[in-house]
Protein backbone atom coordinates (compact mmCIF):
# COMPACT_ATOMS: atom_id res chain seq x y z
CA MET A 1 245.38 -17.90 225.55
CA GLU A 2 242.40 -15.70 224.63
CA PRO A 3 240.48 -14.04 227.52
CA ALA A 4 237.04 -15.50 228.13
CA ALA A 5 233.82 -13.86 226.99
CA THR A 6 232.40 -12.79 230.37
CA ILE A 7 230.73 -9.43 229.65
CA LEU A 8 226.97 -9.43 229.23
CA HIS A 9 224.94 -6.65 227.65
CA ALA A 10 221.26 -7.01 228.52
CA ASP A 11 218.72 -4.87 226.65
CA LEU A 12 214.96 -5.01 227.15
CA ASP A 13 213.24 -5.28 223.75
CA ALA A 14 211.07 -2.35 222.59
CA PHE A 15 210.83 -1.62 226.30
CA TYR A 16 208.17 1.09 226.55
CA ALA A 17 205.91 -0.57 223.98
CA SER A 18 206.44 -3.99 225.57
CA VAL A 19 205.36 -2.59 228.95
CA GLU A 20 202.18 -1.19 227.39
CA GLN A 21 201.42 -4.59 225.84
CA LEU A 22 202.08 -6.22 229.20
CA LEU A 23 199.69 -3.88 231.01
CA ASN A 24 196.99 -4.23 228.36
CA PRO A 25 196.86 -7.77 226.93
CA GLU A 26 194.52 -6.59 224.15
CA LEU A 27 197.49 -4.76 222.61
CA ARG A 28 199.69 -7.85 222.35
CA GLY A 29 200.62 -8.76 218.80
CA LYS A 30 199.33 -5.42 217.47
CA PRO A 31 201.30 -2.46 216.12
CA ILE A 32 201.37 0.14 218.87
CA ALA A 33 203.18 3.40 219.50
CA VAL A 34 203.69 5.18 222.79
CA GLY A 35 202.98 8.88 222.36
CA GLY A 36 200.76 10.95 220.15
CA GLY A 37 202.12 13.95 218.26
CA VAL A 38 205.53 12.28 218.36
CA VAL A 39 206.25 8.54 218.50
CA LEU A 40 208.15 7.97 221.73
CA ALA A 41 208.51 4.22 221.18
CA ALA A 42 207.13 1.56 218.85
CA SER A 43 206.42 -2.14 219.20
CA TYR A 44 208.13 -4.63 216.88
CA GLU A 45 204.82 -5.07 215.07
CA ALA A 46 204.88 -1.32 214.29
CA LYS A 47 208.60 -1.29 213.47
CA ALA A 48 207.89 -3.84 210.72
CA PHE A 49 206.05 -1.02 208.90
CA GLY A 50 208.94 1.42 209.38
CA VAL A 51 207.57 3.19 212.44
CA HIS A 52 210.29 4.33 214.84
CA GLY A 53 210.80 6.60 217.81
CA GLY A 54 211.10 10.30 217.04
CA MET A 55 208.87 10.39 213.96
CA SER A 56 205.66 12.40 213.89
CA GLY A 57 202.39 10.69 214.70
CA TRP A 58 200.85 11.49 211.31
CA ALA A 59 203.87 10.06 209.46
CA ALA A 60 203.64 6.88 211.55
CA LYS A 61 199.93 6.56 210.73
CA GLU A 62 200.67 6.89 207.02
CA LEU A 63 203.14 4.00 207.25
CA CYS A 64 200.86 1.89 209.42
CA PRO A 65 197.14 2.81 209.26
CA GLU A 66 196.33 0.20 211.93
CA LEU A 67 198.75 1.78 214.41
CA ILE A 68 197.36 2.13 217.94
CA PHE A 69 198.61 5.03 220.06
CA THR A 70 198.78 4.66 223.80
CA GLY A 71 199.76 6.99 226.64
CA GLY A 72 202.81 6.30 228.77
CA HIS A 73 202.83 4.62 232.20
CA PHE A 74 206.06 6.19 233.43
CA GLU A 75 206.00 4.79 236.96
CA GLU A 76 205.64 1.30 235.52
CA TYR A 77 208.56 1.87 233.16
CA GLN A 78 210.75 2.80 236.10
CA ARG A 79 209.54 -0.05 238.30
CA LEU A 80 209.96 -2.75 235.65
CA GLY A 81 213.27 -1.37 234.40
CA ASP A 82 214.66 -1.40 237.94
CA ALA A 83 213.38 -4.93 238.50
CA ALA A 84 214.97 -6.26 235.30
CA ILE A 85 218.37 -4.72 236.00
CA GLY A 86 218.04 -5.94 239.60
CA ILE A 87 218.02 -9.53 238.33
CA LEU A 88 221.55 -9.00 237.00
CA ASP A 89 222.59 -7.89 240.49
CA ASP A 90 221.71 -11.39 241.75
CA TYR A 91 224.60 -12.87 239.72
CA THR A 92 227.41 -10.30 239.96
CA PRO A 93 228.20 -7.06 241.78
CA LEU A 94 229.80 -5.73 238.59
CA VAL A 95 226.75 -4.20 236.92
CA GLU A 96 226.89 -0.94 234.96
CA ARG A 97 223.49 0.46 234.13
CA ILE A 98 223.59 2.74 231.09
CA SER A 99 219.88 3.50 230.68
CA ILE A 100 216.52 2.56 232.13
CA ASP A 101 216.34 -0.60 230.01
CA GLU A 102 219.92 -1.78 229.45
CA ALA A 103 223.03 -2.63 231.43
CA PHE A 104 226.41 -4.33 231.25
CA ALA A 105 227.51 -7.01 233.67
CA ASP A 106 230.84 -8.81 234.10
CA VAL A 107 230.34 -12.36 235.38
CA ALA A 108 234.01 -13.36 235.50
CA GLY A 109 234.59 -15.45 238.61
CA CYS A 110 230.91 -16.32 239.01
CA GLU A 111 231.03 -19.59 237.10
CA HIS A 112 231.47 -21.78 240.16
CA LEU A 113 228.28 -20.33 241.63
CA PHE A 114 226.00 -19.90 238.62
CA GLY A 115 227.57 -21.65 235.64
CA SER A 116 229.14 -20.33 232.45
CA PRO A 117 228.46 -16.79 231.15
CA GLU A 118 226.11 -18.30 228.56
CA THR A 119 224.25 -20.20 231.30
CA ILE A 120 223.94 -17.03 233.37
CA ALA A 121 222.64 -15.12 230.34
CA ARG A 122 220.02 -17.79 229.66
CA THR A 123 218.97 -17.75 233.32
CA VAL A 124 218.63 -13.96 233.35
CA ARG A 125 216.49 -14.03 230.20
CA ALA A 126 214.28 -16.77 231.60
CA ARG A 127 213.79 -14.91 234.90
CA VAL A 128 212.94 -11.60 233.23
CA ARG A 129 210.33 -13.37 231.12
CA ALA A 130 208.90 -15.43 234.00
CA GLU A 131 208.98 -12.78 236.74
CA LEU A 132 208.23 -9.64 234.75
CA GLY A 133 206.63 -10.88 231.54
CA LEU A 134 209.05 -8.91 229.34
CA PRO A 135 211.35 -9.93 226.48
CA ILE A 136 215.06 -9.19 226.83
CA SER A 137 217.99 -9.74 224.49
CA VAL A 138 221.48 -10.49 225.77
CA GLY A 139 224.86 -10.38 224.08
CA VAL A 140 227.90 -12.09 225.61
CA ALA A 141 231.41 -11.18 224.50
CA ARG A 142 234.93 -10.36 225.63
CA THR A 143 234.49 -6.55 225.36
CA LYS A 144 231.71 -4.10 226.12
CA HIS A 145 231.47 -2.90 222.54
CA LEU A 146 231.13 -6.39 221.11
CA ALA A 147 228.64 -7.44 223.81
CA LYS A 148 226.42 -4.47 222.93
CA ILE A 149 226.58 -5.31 219.23
CA ALA A 150 225.80 -8.95 220.01
CA SER A 151 222.66 -7.97 221.93
CA GLN A 152 221.48 -5.92 218.93
CA VAL A 153 222.07 -8.88 216.63
CA ALA A 154 220.14 -11.05 219.10
CA LYS A 155 217.01 -8.90 218.90
CA PRO A 156 214.20 -9.52 219.26
CA ASP A 157 214.18 -11.65 222.41
CA GLY A 158 217.35 -13.60 221.72
CA LEU A 159 220.84 -14.50 222.92
CA VAL A 160 224.13 -14.26 221.03
CA VAL A 161 227.43 -15.46 222.49
CA VAL A 162 230.55 -14.39 220.58
CA ASP A 163 233.42 -16.88 220.69
CA PRO A 164 236.65 -14.94 221.40
CA VAL A 165 238.42 -16.97 218.71
CA ARG A 166 235.91 -15.86 216.04
CA GLU A 167 235.30 -12.24 217.07
CA LEU A 168 236.35 -10.58 213.84
CA GLU A 169 234.57 -13.23 211.78
CA PHE A 170 231.38 -12.21 213.62
CA LEU A 171 232.05 -8.46 213.71
CA HIS A 172 233.35 -7.49 210.29
CA PRO A 173 230.36 -8.43 208.08
CA LEU A 174 227.99 -6.33 210.24
CA PRO A 175 226.82 -2.83 209.19
CA VAL A 176 228.70 0.14 210.65
CA SER A 177 225.40 1.47 212.03
CA LEU A 178 225.61 -1.14 214.81
CA MET A 179 228.82 0.36 216.18
CA TRP A 180 228.69 2.28 219.44
CA GLY A 181 228.94 5.97 218.52
CA VAL A 182 227.82 5.72 214.89
CA GLY A 183 224.70 7.83 214.42
CA PRO A 184 222.91 8.87 211.22
CA VAL A 185 225.41 11.66 210.43
CA THR A 186 228.51 9.46 210.88
CA GLU A 187 226.85 6.61 209.00
CA GLY A 188 226.07 8.99 206.14
CA LYS A 189 229.68 10.21 205.95
CA LEU A 190 230.98 6.65 205.82
CA GLU A 191 228.37 5.62 203.26
CA ASP A 192 229.44 8.52 201.03
CA GLU A 193 232.92 6.97 201.06
CA GLY A 194 231.60 3.50 200.26
CA ILE A 195 232.04 2.17 203.81
CA LEU A 196 229.01 0.04 204.68
CA THR A 197 230.37 -2.71 206.93
CA ILE A 198 232.60 -2.74 210.00
CA GLY A 199 235.11 -4.84 208.08
CA GLN A 200 235.36 -2.19 205.36
CA LEU A 201 236.02 0.41 208.05
CA ALA A 202 238.68 -1.78 209.64
CA GLU A 203 240.55 -1.97 206.33
CA GLN A 204 241.03 1.81 206.18
CA ARG A 205 244.11 3.53 207.53
CA ASN A 206 243.55 5.40 210.81
CA GLU A 207 244.63 8.69 209.23
CA TRP A 208 242.00 8.35 206.51
CA VAL A 209 239.22 7.63 209.00
CA GLN A 210 240.31 10.56 211.18
CA ARG A 211 240.24 12.87 208.17
CA ILE A 212 236.65 11.82 207.40
CA LEU A 213 235.26 11.74 210.95
CA GLY A 214 237.62 13.89 212.98
CA HIS A 215 240.56 12.85 215.12
CA ALA A 216 238.76 11.65 218.28
CA ALA A 217 235.87 9.84 216.57
CA GLY A 218 238.10 8.38 213.87
CA GLU A 219 240.64 7.03 216.34
CA LYS A 220 237.90 5.50 218.51
CA LEU A 221 235.98 3.85 215.67
CA SER A 222 239.13 2.49 214.03
CA ALA A 223 239.98 0.73 217.29
CA LEU A 224 236.45 -0.58 217.82
CA ALA A 225 236.39 -1.96 214.27
CA TRP A 226 239.15 -4.34 215.43
CA ASN A 227 237.37 -4.93 218.76
CA ARG A 228 240.03 -3.05 220.68
CA ASP A 229 238.01 -1.87 223.66
CA PRO A 230 239.80 -1.80 227.05
CA ARG A 231 236.86 -0.35 228.99
CA GLY A 232 235.78 -2.23 232.06
CA ILE A 233 232.55 -2.23 234.01
CA VAL A 234 231.98 0.99 235.97
CA THR A 235 229.57 0.57 238.89
CA ASN A 236 227.66 3.35 240.66
CA GLN A 237 228.39 5.71 237.80
CA ARG A 238 227.05 9.22 238.30
CA ALA A 239 226.66 11.91 235.70
CA ARG A 240 229.43 14.52 235.68
CA SER A 241 227.12 17.00 234.01
CA ALA A 242 223.40 17.66 233.64
CA GLY A 243 221.76 18.34 230.33
CA ALA A 244 218.52 18.34 228.39
CA GLN A 245 217.56 18.73 224.77
CA SER A 246 214.44 19.32 222.74
CA ALA A 247 213.87 18.19 219.16
CA LEU A 248 211.87 20.90 217.42
CA GLY A 249 211.11 19.44 214.03
CA LYS A 250 211.84 22.28 211.61
CA LYS A 251 211.28 25.66 213.25
CA PRO A 252 212.37 29.20 212.32
CA PHE A 253 215.52 30.38 214.07
CA ILE A 254 213.83 33.26 215.90
CA GLU A 255 213.61 34.30 219.54
CA ARG A 256 209.90 33.49 219.79
CA ILE A 257 210.83 29.84 219.17
CA TYR A 258 214.12 29.38 220.97
CA ARG A 259 213.51 31.51 224.08
CA PRO A 260 210.65 29.46 225.65
CA THR A 261 212.39 26.23 224.66
CA LEU A 262 215.60 27.28 226.40
CA HIS A 263 213.69 28.37 229.52
CA HIS A 264 211.90 25.02 229.63
CA LEU A 265 215.20 23.13 229.28
CA ALA A 266 216.82 25.33 231.93
CA ASP A 267 213.94 24.61 234.31
CA ARG A 268 214.38 20.86 233.85
CA ILE A 269 218.15 20.99 234.36
CA ALA A 270 218.27 23.47 237.23
CA SER A 271 215.59 21.68 239.24
CA ARG A 272 217.58 18.44 238.95
CA LEU A 273 220.73 20.21 240.13
CA ARG A 274 219.03 21.78 243.14
CA VAL A 275 217.57 18.48 244.33
CA LYS A 276 221.13 17.15 244.75
CA SER A 277 222.61 20.52 245.87
CA TRP A 278 224.75 20.76 242.73
CA HIS A 279 225.74 24.03 241.07
CA GLY A 280 227.60 24.37 237.76
CA HIS A 281 230.39 26.53 236.38
CA THR A 282 230.28 25.67 232.66
CA ILE A 283 227.16 26.21 230.58
CA THR A 284 226.94 24.93 227.01
CA ALA A 285 224.21 25.56 224.45
CA ARG A 286 223.87 23.47 221.30
CA VAL A 287 221.91 24.39 218.18
CA ARG A 288 221.23 21.94 215.37
CA PHE A 289 220.39 23.27 211.93
CA ARG A 290 218.20 21.88 209.17
CA ASP A 291 221.06 19.92 207.57
CA LEU A 292 221.78 18.25 210.97
CA ARG A 293 224.97 20.27 211.53
CA ALA A 294 225.27 21.18 215.20
CA VAL A 295 227.04 24.19 216.70
CA THR A 296 227.90 24.61 220.38
CA ARG A 297 228.92 27.62 222.43
CA SER A 298 230.10 27.50 226.06
CA ILE A 299 230.98 29.84 228.87
CA THR A 300 232.59 29.17 232.25
CA ILE A 301 231.65 31.44 235.13
CA ASP A 302 233.45 32.06 238.42
CA GLN A 303 230.50 31.51 240.76
CA PRO A 304 228.53 28.29 240.02
CA ILE A 305 224.78 28.60 239.47
CA SER A 306 221.64 26.50 239.78
CA ALA A 307 218.99 29.20 239.41
CA THR A 308 216.60 28.50 236.55
CA VAL A 309 216.30 32.01 235.12
CA SER A 310 220.03 32.64 235.36
CA LEU A 311 220.77 29.44 233.45
CA ALA A 312 218.12 30.27 230.84
CA GLU A 313 219.47 33.79 230.29
CA ILE A 314 223.04 32.54 229.82
CA ALA A 315 221.82 29.90 227.36
CA GLU A 316 219.91 32.60 225.46
CA ASP A 317 223.07 34.68 225.18
CA LEU A 318 224.98 31.68 223.84
CA VAL A 319 222.30 30.93 221.25
CA ARG A 320 222.32 34.57 220.14
CA VAL A 321 226.07 34.21 219.56
CA VAL A 322 225.35 31.18 217.37
CA GLN A 323 222.72 33.20 215.52
CA ALA A 324 225.17 36.05 214.93
CA ASP A 325 227.90 33.66 213.77
CA HIS A 326 225.54 31.90 211.32
CA PRO A 327 223.33 34.66 209.87
CA ASP A 328 222.33 32.56 206.86
CA GLU A 329 220.77 29.80 208.97
CA ARG A 330 217.01 30.23 209.07
CA THR A 331 215.85 26.87 210.46
CA ILE A 332 216.72 24.92 213.60
CA THR A 333 215.76 21.36 214.50
CA LEU A 334 217.13 20.92 218.04
CA LEU A 335 218.20 22.94 221.07
CA ALA A 336 220.16 21.62 224.04
CA ILE A 337 221.70 22.94 227.25
CA SER A 338 224.21 21.25 229.52
CA VAL A 339 225.86 22.27 232.78
CA ALA A 340 229.28 20.89 233.75
CA GLN A 341 232.05 21.45 236.30
CA LEU A 342 229.57 20.67 239.03
CA GLU A 343 230.22 21.66 242.62
CA ARG A 344 228.16 20.56 245.61
CA ASP A 345 227.08 23.18 248.17
CA PRO A 346 229.71 25.76 247.22
CA LEU A 347 230.55 28.62 249.54
CA VAL A 348 228.86 31.70 248.14
CA GLN A 349 230.90 34.88 248.33
CA LEU A 350 228.61 37.85 248.98
CA GLU A 351 229.02 40.71 246.54
CA LEU A 352 228.51 44.43 246.86
CA PRO A 353 225.45 45.90 245.09
CA LEU A 354 227.36 47.44 242.20
CA ASP A 355 224.41 47.27 239.77
CA LEU A 356 226.44 45.39 237.17
CA ALA A 357 224.66 44.08 234.08
CA ASP A 358 224.85 40.46 235.28
CA ASP A 359 224.05 41.08 238.97
CA ALA A 360 220.91 38.97 238.84
CA ARG A 361 222.85 35.96 237.56
CA ARG A 362 225.48 36.05 240.29
CA PRO A 363 224.47 33.97 243.34
CA GLY A 364 226.32 36.29 245.74
CA THR A 365 224.22 39.36 244.95
CA ARG A 366 220.87 40.18 246.51
CA ARG A 367 219.06 39.66 243.21
CA GLY A 368 220.89 36.43 242.50
CA ALA A 369 220.10 35.05 245.96
CA SER A 370 216.45 36.02 245.49
CA ARG A 371 216.25 34.00 242.28
CA LEU A 372 217.58 30.92 244.02
CA SER A 373 215.21 31.39 246.98
CA ALA A 374 212.23 31.63 244.61
CA ASP A 375 213.35 28.46 242.83
CA ARG A 376 213.64 26.54 246.08
CA ALA A 377 210.16 27.65 247.12
CA MET A 378 208.86 26.45 243.75
CA ASP A 379 210.71 23.13 244.21
CA ALA A 380 208.92 22.63 247.53
CA VAL A 381 205.52 23.23 245.90
CA ARG A 382 206.31 20.74 243.14
CA ILE A 383 207.43 18.09 245.60
CA ARG A 384 204.10 18.35 247.39
CA PHE A 385 201.67 18.95 244.52
CA GLY A 386 203.48 17.74 241.39
CA ARG A 387 205.68 19.39 238.81
CA GLU A 388 202.76 20.83 236.84
CA ALA A 389 201.45 22.72 239.89
CA ILE A 390 203.75 25.70 239.34
CA GLY A 391 206.25 26.92 236.77
CA TYR A 392 207.61 29.80 234.77
CA ALA A 393 205.37 31.35 232.12
CA SER A 394 208.49 31.95 230.01
CA ALA A 395 209.00 28.19 229.81
CA THR A 396 205.58 27.47 228.31
CA LEU A 397 204.88 30.22 225.76
CA GLU A 398 204.98 28.92 222.17
CA LEU A 399 206.43 25.63 223.40
CA ASP A 400 205.41 22.32 221.85
CA ARG A 401 205.36 19.79 224.70
CA SER A 402 204.74 16.73 222.51
CA VAL A 403 207.30 14.67 224.46
CA PRO A 404 206.34 14.43 228.16
CA ASP A 405 208.99 15.46 230.67
CA ALA A 406 208.41 12.18 232.50
CA PHE A 407 209.58 10.31 229.40
CA ARG A 408 212.65 12.52 229.05
CA GLY A 409 213.43 12.04 232.73
CA LEU A 410 213.71 8.28 232.33
CA ALA A 411 216.81 8.80 230.18
CA GLU A 412 218.56 11.13 232.60
CA LYS A 413 221.49 9.69 234.54
CA PRO A 414 221.42 10.21 238.33
CA LEU A 415 223.44 13.13 239.65
C-alpha cells in the first residue's frame, strides 16, 4: 500500500513584487520590478518579458520598456511572510520554513480535524488570499522534493496534488531545471549531454551521472529523479553556519575590488554572530570567476572569532591564496564568506603579549579583545540609531551597494 501524499510545499508567488502591488493598487496588473540598479524581484507581468531577479536594471528596461521600478518595503515583507507561514501553523505543528516566503508542512494525522491534505491546501490558499491579499501556490505530494516541484508546476496561484500511484508519470516529463539542487551550471552540464528532462536523467546509470556532476551531487540527483527522498519535516531549524555573498557583475580581480567587498560581508556576518553570542572556528571564502567556476579556500582556527576586522582579514588572506593559485584569472563575478563550527559564549584563554603576526586576530590577546569591544560598542549604536549610523570605512570604499542589506537579510536563516 502506497504512503499517502501528506506533505505540502507552500510558496508565495512573486512575493516581493506581489507585496508591492498589494501596497499600491495602481501597480496591479503592471510589469514591476523591486530594486533599481539590480532587479531584486519581478512581477509575473514583468517575467512575461523575460525580466528576472539578479539582472541589471538597464537590461530589464530593454526587455520591458514599460517596466516600473519600486523601492522595497522590507518590514512589510517580513510581516506578511510571517503571517502567511503562520497560517500553516494553524493546521499542523510540523512546519519547516525554508525561506521568508516558502515552507513545508506535513499534515499526516490532521485529516480528522481539517479534512484531506488537498482540502487543507485549498483552505490555506483561500485564507492567504482572503486575509493577506496575496497569491500562493501549493504542491502536495508524498515527498518533500516532489511537493516542491508540484508547487512550481502550480504557479502562478495554483494547486497541484500528485497521486502517489502516478508520481513518476508526473515527474519524468518535467525539465531537470525544476529539480531541487539543479542550478544553471548543473543544468548546462546535463544539457551538454542531451539530458533535458528528469526522466532522461533517471534512465542514466548512477556512475555516469556521478562522473558528470561529481559523486555527491550525482548520487543525490539520481535518487531524486526516481523520487527517492527520505527527508522528513525539520521544525525549529537553525543555521549551523553564517554566511553572506555579493554578486559583483564582472569586476577585475584586484584588491581595490575584493577588499571592501570582503569587509562589508564580514561586517554583515560578524554582527549577526555577535547578536546571538556565536563565535566561529572555520572561515571559508568563495570566489566565482567569469565562466561561473567557483573556488573555495578554508581555514580552521583554535580560538573562535566574531570580530569584524579579524574575519575580514582572514577572508582577505584566503582570497589572496585563490589569486595566487589562479594567476590567469582576471575577472570575478561573486565573493562569499561563511563561518562554521559555531560555539556560543566560548571561554577565552588569555594570551601573553608575544607580538605575533596574528595577535590582533586572536580574541585572547589585548588587541584581539579591543577589536571585539569596539564591535560591541558599534552594535549598541546600531541597535539604537540604525545600521547605517556607524560602520567601517573599509567596508564602503569602492563598494557597489545596489542590493540593500535589508533585502539580503530576509534570506538569512536564524542563528
